[in-house]
N, C-alpha and C. Protein backbone atom coordinates (compact mmCIF):
# COMPACT_ATOMS: atom_id res chain seq x y z
N MET A 1 136.69 146.89 14.44
CA MET A 1 137.37 147.64 13.41
C MET A 1 137.67 146.69 12.26
N SER A 2 137.25 147.08 11.06
CA SER A 2 137.51 146.24 9.91
C SER A 2 138.89 146.54 9.32
N ARG A 3 139.33 145.69 8.46
CA ARG A 3 140.65 145.82 7.87
C ARG A 3 140.68 146.98 6.88
N MET A 4 141.75 147.73 6.91
CA MET A 4 141.91 148.87 6.01
C MET A 4 142.10 148.36 4.59
N PRO A 5 141.28 148.82 3.64
CA PRO A 5 141.46 148.38 2.26
C PRO A 5 142.65 149.10 1.63
N THR A 6 143.18 148.53 0.57
CA THR A 6 144.21 149.25 -0.18
C THR A 6 143.50 150.29 -1.03
N ILE A 7 144.04 151.49 -1.02
CA ILE A 7 143.43 152.59 -1.77
C ILE A 7 144.49 153.29 -2.60
N THR A 8 144.04 154.09 -3.53
CA THR A 8 144.97 154.87 -4.34
C THR A 8 145.26 156.19 -3.64
N ALA A 9 146.31 156.83 -4.06
CA ALA A 9 146.66 158.14 -3.50
C ALA A 9 145.57 159.15 -3.80
N ALA A 10 144.94 159.05 -4.97
CA ALA A 10 143.88 159.98 -5.34
C ALA A 10 142.70 159.88 -4.38
N GLU A 11 142.35 158.68 -3.94
CA GLU A 11 141.26 158.51 -2.98
C GLU A 11 141.60 159.15 -1.64
N LEU A 12 142.84 158.98 -1.20
CA LEU A 12 143.26 159.56 0.07
C LEU A 12 143.28 161.09 -0.02
N VAL A 13 143.75 161.63 -1.13
CA VAL A 13 143.75 163.08 -1.32
C VAL A 13 142.32 163.61 -1.33
N ARG A 14 141.41 162.89 -1.99
CA ARG A 14 140.01 163.29 -2.03
C ARG A 14 139.41 163.35 -0.61
N PHE A 15 139.73 162.34 0.21
CA PHE A 15 139.25 162.32 1.59
C PHE A 15 139.81 163.51 2.37
N LEU A 16 141.11 163.75 2.27
CA LEU A 16 141.71 164.84 3.02
C LEU A 16 141.16 166.20 2.60
N LYS A 17 140.94 166.38 1.30
CA LYS A 17 140.36 167.64 0.82
C LYS A 17 138.93 167.81 1.33
N ALA A 18 138.19 166.73 1.43
CA ALA A 18 136.82 166.79 1.95
C ALA A 18 136.81 167.17 3.43
N GLN A 19 137.92 166.93 4.12
CA GLN A 19 138.03 167.25 5.54
C GLN A 19 138.62 168.64 5.78
N GLY A 20 138.86 169.39 4.71
CA GLY A 20 139.33 170.76 4.87
C GLY A 20 140.79 171.00 4.53
N PHE A 21 141.50 169.99 4.08
CA PHE A 21 142.89 170.17 3.67
C PHE A 21 142.94 170.79 2.28
N VAL A 22 143.96 171.59 2.03
CA VAL A 22 144.17 172.19 0.71
C VAL A 22 145.60 171.87 0.26
N GLU A 23 145.79 171.84 -1.05
CA GLU A 23 147.12 171.57 -1.59
C GLU A 23 148.05 172.72 -1.21
N ASP A 24 149.17 172.38 -0.62
CA ASP A 24 150.14 173.39 -0.21
C ASP A 24 151.30 173.46 -1.20
N ARG A 25 151.89 172.31 -1.46
CA ARG A 25 153.03 172.28 -2.40
C ARG A 25 153.23 170.84 -2.88
N GLN A 26 153.99 170.72 -3.94
CA GLN A 26 154.33 169.39 -4.46
C GLN A 26 155.78 169.42 -4.89
N ARG A 27 156.49 168.41 -4.46
CA ARG A 27 157.88 168.26 -4.87
C ARG A 27 158.04 166.86 -5.43
N GLY A 28 158.28 166.77 -6.71
CA GLY A 28 158.37 165.47 -7.35
C GLY A 28 157.02 164.77 -7.29
N SER A 29 157.01 163.58 -6.74
CA SER A 29 155.77 162.81 -6.69
C SER A 29 155.11 162.85 -5.31
N HIS A 30 155.50 163.80 -4.47
CA HIS A 30 154.91 163.90 -3.13
C HIS A 30 154.13 165.20 -2.98
N LEU A 31 152.85 165.06 -2.69
CA LEU A 31 151.95 166.20 -2.52
C LEU A 31 151.75 166.46 -1.04
N THR A 32 151.96 167.71 -0.63
CA THR A 32 151.75 168.10 0.75
C THR A 32 150.47 168.91 0.85
N LEU A 33 149.59 168.47 1.73
CA LEU A 33 148.32 169.15 1.97
C LEU A 33 148.38 169.81 3.35
N TRP A 34 147.70 170.95 3.50
CA TRP A 34 147.76 171.72 4.74
C TRP A 34 146.35 172.01 5.24
N HIS A 35 146.14 171.88 6.54
CA HIS A 35 144.87 172.23 7.16
C HIS A 35 145.14 173.46 8.03
N GLU A 36 144.58 174.60 7.63
CA GLU A 36 144.88 175.87 8.28
C GLU A 36 144.40 175.91 9.73
N ASP A 37 143.20 175.47 10.01
CA ASP A 37 142.66 175.56 11.37
C ASP A 37 143.41 174.68 12.35
N ARG A 38 143.79 173.50 11.92
CA ARG A 38 144.46 172.55 12.81
C ARG A 38 145.97 172.70 12.80
N LYS A 39 146.48 173.45 11.83
CA LYS A 39 147.93 173.66 11.68
C LYS A 39 148.68 172.34 11.56
N VAL A 40 148.19 171.50 10.65
CA VAL A 40 148.81 170.19 10.44
C VAL A 40 148.96 169.95 8.93
N ALA A 41 150.05 169.29 8.57
CA ALA A 41 150.32 168.96 7.17
C ALA A 41 150.30 167.45 7.00
N ALA A 42 149.93 167.02 5.80
CA ALA A 42 149.94 165.59 5.45
C ALA A 42 150.58 165.45 4.08
N THR A 43 151.53 164.57 3.95
CA THR A 43 152.22 164.34 2.68
C THR A 43 151.80 163.00 2.12
N VAL A 44 151.37 163.02 0.85
CA VAL A 44 150.88 161.81 0.19
C VAL A 44 151.76 161.55 -1.03
N PRO A 45 152.34 160.34 -1.16
CA PRO A 45 153.11 160.00 -2.35
C PRO A 45 152.17 159.70 -3.52
N LEU A 46 152.38 160.35 -4.63
CA LEU A 46 151.51 160.19 -5.81
C LEU A 46 152.22 159.38 -6.88
N HIS A 47 152.34 158.10 -6.66
CA HIS A 47 152.97 157.21 -7.64
C HIS A 47 151.86 156.56 -8.45
N SER A 48 151.78 156.92 -9.71
CA SER A 48 150.67 156.42 -10.53
C SER A 48 150.78 154.92 -10.78
N GLY A 49 149.63 154.30 -10.86
CA GLY A 49 149.59 152.88 -11.17
C GLY A 49 149.79 151.96 -9.98
N THR A 50 149.98 152.52 -8.79
CA THR A 50 150.17 151.68 -7.62
C THR A 50 149.24 152.15 -6.49
N ASP A 51 148.88 151.22 -5.64
CA ASP A 51 148.08 151.54 -4.47
C ASP A 51 149.01 151.88 -3.31
N LEU A 52 148.47 152.61 -2.35
CA LEU A 52 149.22 152.88 -1.13
C LEU A 52 149.13 151.66 -0.24
N GLY A 53 150.17 151.37 0.46
CA GLY A 53 150.14 150.26 1.40
C GLY A 53 149.21 150.57 2.57
N ARG A 54 148.68 149.55 3.19
CA ARG A 54 147.76 149.74 4.31
C ARG A 54 148.42 150.49 5.46
N GLY A 55 149.65 150.11 5.77
CA GLY A 55 150.36 150.76 6.87
C GLY A 55 150.64 152.23 6.59
N LEU A 56 151.04 152.54 5.37
CA LEU A 56 151.31 153.92 4.99
C LEU A 56 150.04 154.75 5.04
N THR A 57 148.94 154.19 4.56
CA THR A 57 147.66 154.89 4.58
C THR A 57 147.25 155.20 6.02
N LYS A 58 147.37 154.22 6.90
CA LYS A 58 146.99 154.41 8.29
C LYS A 58 147.89 155.45 8.96
N ARG A 59 149.17 155.48 8.62
CA ARG A 59 150.11 156.45 9.20
C ARG A 59 149.78 157.87 8.73
N ILE A 60 149.46 158.04 7.45
CA ILE A 60 149.11 159.36 6.93
C ILE A 60 147.82 159.85 7.60
N LEU A 61 146.83 158.97 7.73
CA LEU A 61 145.58 159.34 8.39
C LEU A 61 145.84 159.74 9.85
N LYS A 62 146.65 158.98 10.54
CA LYS A 62 146.95 159.28 11.94
C LYS A 62 147.68 160.61 12.07
N ASP A 63 148.65 160.86 11.22
CA ASP A 63 149.39 162.12 11.24
C ASP A 63 148.47 163.31 10.96
N ALA A 64 147.44 163.08 10.14
CA ALA A 64 146.49 164.15 9.81
C ALA A 64 145.42 164.30 10.88
N GLY A 65 145.38 163.39 11.84
CA GLY A 65 144.43 163.50 12.94
C GLY A 65 143.15 162.71 12.75
N PHE A 66 143.18 161.69 11.90
CA PHE A 66 142.00 160.88 11.63
C PHE A 66 142.29 159.42 11.94
N SER A 67 141.24 158.67 12.17
CA SER A 67 141.38 157.24 12.40
C SER A 67 140.98 156.49 11.13
N GLN A 68 141.28 155.22 11.14
CA GLN A 68 140.90 154.36 10.02
C GLN A 68 139.38 154.35 9.87
N ASP A 69 138.67 154.34 10.99
CA ASP A 69 137.21 154.34 10.96
C ASP A 69 136.64 155.62 10.35
N ASP A 70 137.30 156.75 10.58
CA ASP A 70 136.86 158.01 9.97
C ASP A 70 136.86 157.88 8.45
N PHE A 71 137.91 157.28 7.91
CA PHE A 71 138.01 157.12 6.47
C PHE A 71 136.95 156.14 5.97
N LEU A 72 136.79 155.02 6.67
CA LEU A 72 135.84 154.00 6.22
C LEU A 72 134.39 154.50 6.26
N LYS A 73 134.06 155.33 7.25
CA LYS A 73 132.71 155.92 7.32
C LYS A 73 132.48 156.89 6.17
N TRP A 74 133.53 157.63 5.80
CA TRP A 74 133.43 158.59 4.70
C TRP A 74 133.24 157.88 3.37
N LYS A 75 133.93 156.78 3.21
CA LYS A 75 133.90 156.04 1.94
C LYS A 75 132.62 155.35 1.80
């Protein structure tokens, strides 16, 4: 397993949408995406000009039901 790169929130949102997630709601700078079939939500902080931390990215992916390798293969 290779090291998780730092990515932007937009890249993570793009990945989640490609996997079937849709925008559910946004409150402030946090976007919540919903996957209807799996009945799971993922919340991504949209702070412009900054990258997501590696740990936060891995946690969001895990909560959404994906591994780090799933993301790296997609990218």
